[in-house]
Amino acid sequence: MRLQERSEWKIRSQLPMKNRYFFITLLIFLLDHATKWLAFEKLNASSPIEIIPGYLRLSYAQNTGVAFGFFDKVESEWKPYILAALAIAAVMILLIYSSRTPPSRKLLHCALAITLGGILGNFADRFLRGYVVDFIEFHIHEAFYWPNFNVADSAITVGVALLLLDTVKNPAVEETAGQSPADEQS
């Protein structure tokens, strides 16, 4: 191995493991925007594409609200700013929490990275378009409809589920993280 290659490998291997999870964030973000672009270009709201007849189809929808279409009907000049502020606050909280979490908490870092990718994907949509593109439609025949969603929504859901799983797996980690060994003995 050449000297330059060895030094580059050494630098990369010294990066904290948790920083590597931001590649997951980038992957989610890019996948979300690629699929939204395809939905925007190829789907027509009047002619959805059946994937699993009676259960799953692709149909284009514009969501100006938040998850599940909440606040979609609310008309206010402040709504885009409030939703953007909430997304920015969520991103900041996740970044701060991730920076203070030990690298050994791999599942937690993965959960945070996946969630962050989803939040950034929808935030970028709101910023660029003024709405979020949703295109995945789950329904049970014509009796039940789940609100349309996208890859970013799915990532947020999976990320939160993994976060809960990590919390169940490591309940005492958070309680003892800020204590010194002297505090634990008393």
Protein backbone atom coordinates (compact mmCIF):
# COMPACT_ATOMS: atom_id res chain seq x y z
CA MET A 1 0.00 0.00 0.00
CA ARG A 2 1.39 3.41 -0.93
CA LEU A 3 2.10 5.99 1.76
CA GLN A 4 -0.68 8.31 0.62
CA GLU A 5 -3.22 5.46 0.58
CA ARG A 6 -2.16 4.39 4.07
CA SER A 7 -2.52 7.90 5.46
CA GLU A 8 -5.94 8.33 3.82
CA TRP A 9 -7.06 4.98 5.25
CA LYS A 10 -5.75 5.98 8.68
CA ILE A 11 -7.68 9.28 8.57
CA ARG A 12 -10.88 7.52 7.45
CA SER A 13 -10.53 4.83 10.09
CA GLN A 14 -10.13 7.49 12.78
CA LEU A 15 -13.44 9.15 11.94
CA PRO A 16 -15.97 8.53 14.67
CA MET A 17 -18.29 5.74 13.62
CA LYS A 18 -21.35 7.91 14.19
CA ASN A 19 -20.27 10.38 11.45
CA ARG A 20 -20.42 7.59 8.91
CA TYR A 21 -24.17 7.32 9.43
CA PHE A 22 -24.73 10.60 7.65
CA PHE A 23 -24.22 8.66 4.42
CA ILE A 24 -27.52 6.95 5.28
CA THR A 25 -29.09 10.41 5.60
CA LEU A 26 -27.74 11.37 2.17
CA LEU A 27 -28.94 8.10 0.62
CA ILE A 28 -32.48 8.56 2.02
CA PHE A 29 -32.52 12.19 0.84
CA LEU A 30 -31.40 11.28 -2.70
CA LEU A 31 -33.76 8.29 -2.97
CA ASP A 32 -36.65 10.44 -1.76
CA HIS A 33 -35.99 13.14 -4.31
CA ALA A 34 -35.42 10.72 -7.16
CA THR A 35 -38.75 9.01 -6.48
CA LYS A 36 -40.57 12.33 -6.05
CA TRP A 37 -39.12 13.55 -9.34
CA LEU A 38 -40.35 10.38 -11.06
CA ALA A 39 -43.79 10.79 -9.47
CA PHE A 40 -43.91 14.45 -10.52
CA GLU A 41 -42.87 13.62 -14.10
CA LYS A 42 -44.67 10.34 -14.71
CA LEU A 43 -47.78 10.12 -12.56
CA ASN A 44 -51.05 11.71 -13.45
CA ALA A 45 -53.57 12.12 -10.63
CA SER A 46 -56.37 10.99 -12.90
CA SER A 47 -54.68 7.70 -13.88
CA PRO A 48 -52.90 6.03 -10.96
CA ILE A 49 -50.72 2.95 -11.47
CA GLU A 50 -51.93 -0.20 -9.69
CA ILE A 51 -49.06 -2.09 -8.09
CA ILE A 52 -51.08 -4.61 -6.04
CA PRO A 53 -54.70 -4.38 -7.22
CA GLY A 54 -57.04 -3.56 -4.37
CA TYR A 55 -54.20 -2.62 -2.00
CA LEU A 56 -51.36 -0.51 -3.38
CA ARG A 57 -51.08 2.02 -6.16
CA LEU A 58 -49.00 5.00 -7.14
CA SER A 59 -50.92 8.24 -7.46
CA TYR A 60 -49.64 11.80 -7.42
CA ALA A 61 -50.72 14.10 -4.58
CA GLN A 62 -49.58 17.48 -3.26
CA ASN A 63 -49.51 17.78 0.53
CA THR A 64 -49.29 21.31 1.93
CA GLY A 65 -49.84 20.04 5.46
CA VAL A 66 -47.84 17.69 7.63
CA ALA A 67 -48.04 13.92 8.17
CA PHE A 68 -51.31 12.30 7.17
CA GLY A 69 -52.44 15.57 5.59
CA PHE A 70 -52.96 17.32 8.94
CA PHE A 71 -53.23 21.08 8.46
CA ASP A 72 -53.56 20.61 4.70
CA LYS A 73 -56.79 22.63 4.66
CA VAL A 74 -55.45 25.37 6.96
CA GLU A 75 -55.01 28.58 5.01
CA SER A 76 -52.49 30.93 6.57
CA GLU A 77 -49.62 32.98 5.23
CA TRP A 78 -47.63 31.77 8.26
CA LYS A 79 -48.10 28.03 7.61
CA PRO A 80 -45.02 27.54 5.39
CA TYR A 81 -42.82 29.41 7.86
CA ILE A 82 -44.14 27.48 10.86
CA LEU A 83 -43.68 24.13 9.11
CA ALA A 84 -40.16 25.12 8.02
CA ALA A 85 -39.29 26.22 11.55
CA LEU A 86 -40.54 22.91 12.95
CA ALA A 87 -38.42 20.97 10.45
CA ILE A 88 -35.33 23.05 11.22
CA ALA A 89 -35.88 22.57 14.95
CA ALA A 90 -36.23 18.80 14.47
CA VAL A 91 -33.03 18.68 12.41
CA MET A 92 -31.13 20.65 15.05
CA ILE A 93 -32.41 18.42 17.86
CA LEU A 94 -31.40 15.27 15.98
CA LEU A 95 -27.94 16.64 15.17
CA ILE A 96 -27.30 17.71 18.76
CA TYR A 97 -28.59 14.41 20.14
CA SER A 98 -26.46 12.46 17.67
CA SER A 99 -23.34 14.44 18.53
CA ARG A 100 -23.80 13.64 22.22
CA THR A 101 -24.49 9.94 21.73
CA PRO A 102 -21.62 7.46 22.10
CA PRO A 103 -20.46 5.81 18.85
CA SER A 104 -21.25 2.39 20.35
CA ARG A 105 -25.00 3.10 20.01
CA LYS A 106 -25.09 1.96 16.38
CA LEU A 107 -28.83 1.32 16.20
CA LEU A 108 -29.57 4.74 17.64
CA HIS A 109 -27.27 6.48 15.17
CA CYS A 110 -28.83 4.55 12.31
CA ALA A 111 -32.33 5.54 13.52
CA LEU A 112 -31.34 9.20 13.79
CA ALA A 113 -29.72 9.18 10.33
CA ILE A 114 -32.79 7.60 8.69
CA THR A 115 -35.14 10.05 10.42
CA LEU A 116 -32.93 12.98 9.49
CA GLY A 117 -32.93 11.93 5.83
CA GLY A 118 -36.73 11.85 5.81
CA ILE A 119 -37.10 15.21 7.52
CA LEU A 120 -34.62 16.85 5.14
CA GLY A 121 -36.34 15.26 2.12
CA ASN A 122 -39.74 16.72 2.99
CA PHE A 123 -38.21 20.03 4.09
CA ALA A 124 -36.48 20.42 0.73
CA ASP A 125 -39.77 19.70 -1.04
CA ARG A 126 -41.58 22.38 0.95
CA PHE A 127 -38.77 24.83 0.36
CA LEU A 128 -38.52 24.20 -3.41
CA ARG A 129 -42.18 23.56 -4.28
CA GLY A 130 -44.24 24.88 -1.39
CA TYR A 131 -45.73 21.42 -0.86
CA VAL A 132 -44.61 17.82 -0.40
CA VAL A 133 -45.05 15.32 -3.23
CA ASP A 134 -46.79 12.16 -2.01
CA PHE A 135 -47.32 9.24 -4.36
CA ILE A 136 -47.68 5.94 -2.50
CA GLU A 137 -51.31 5.07 -1.84
CA PHE A 138 -52.23 2.17 0.42
CA HIS A 139 -55.85 1.09 0.51
CA ILE A 140 -57.93 -1.98 1.16
CA HIS A 141 -60.11 -2.30 -1.89
CA GLU A 142 -62.24 0.82 -1.86
CA ALA A 143 -63.20 0.59 1.84
CA PHE A 144 -60.07 2.00 3.55
CA TYR A 145 -57.53 4.56 2.43
CA TRP A 146 -54.31 5.44 4.21
CA PRO A 147 -53.20 8.99 3.35
CA ASN A 148 -50.71 9.13 0.48
CA PHE A 149 -47.08 9.14 1.55
CA ASN A 150 -43.55 9.08 0.12
CA VAL A 151 -40.06 7.69 0.79
CA ALA A 152 -39.27 10.47 3.29
CA ASP A 153 -42.43 9.71 5.29
CA SER A 154 -41.49 6.02 5.30
CA ALA A 155 -37.96 6.86 6.44
CA ILE A 156 -39.27 8.98 9.32
CA THR A 157 -41.58 6.14 10.38
CA VAL A 158 -38.81 3.51 10.20
CA GLY A 159 -36.37 5.85 11.99
CA VAL A 160 -38.77 6.49 14.86
CA ALA A 161 -39.52 2.74 15.14
CA LEU A 162 -35.78 2.01 15.36
CA LEU A 163 -35.39 4.78 17.92
CA LEU A 164 -38.08 3.16 20.06
CA LEU A 165 -36.46 -0.24 19.61
CA ASP A 166 -33.12 1.19 20.75
CA THR A 167 -34.80 2.76 23.76
CA VAL A 168 -36.28 -0.61 24.73
CA LYS A 169 -32.93 -2.36 24.20
CA ASN A 170 -30.95 0.23 26.20
CA PRO A 171 -33.24 1.69 28.89
CA ALA A 172 -30.53 2.39 31.49
CA VAL A 173 -27.98 3.90 29.10
CA GLU A 174 -29.62 7.33 29.12
CA GLU A 175 -29.98 7.38 32.90
CA THR A 176 -26.31 6.64 33.59
CA ALA A 177 -24.77 8.51 30.66
CA GLY A 178 -24.24 11.73 32.61
CA GLN A 179 -23.16 10.15 35.89
CA SER A 180 -19.57 9.68 37.02
CA PRO A 181 -18.45 6.39 38.56
CA ALA A 182 -18.46 8.09 42.00
CA ASP A 183 -22.16 9.03 41.54
CA GLU A 184 -23.07 5.44 40.65
CA GLN A 185 -21.48 4.06 43.86
CA SER A 186 -23.36 6.37 46.22
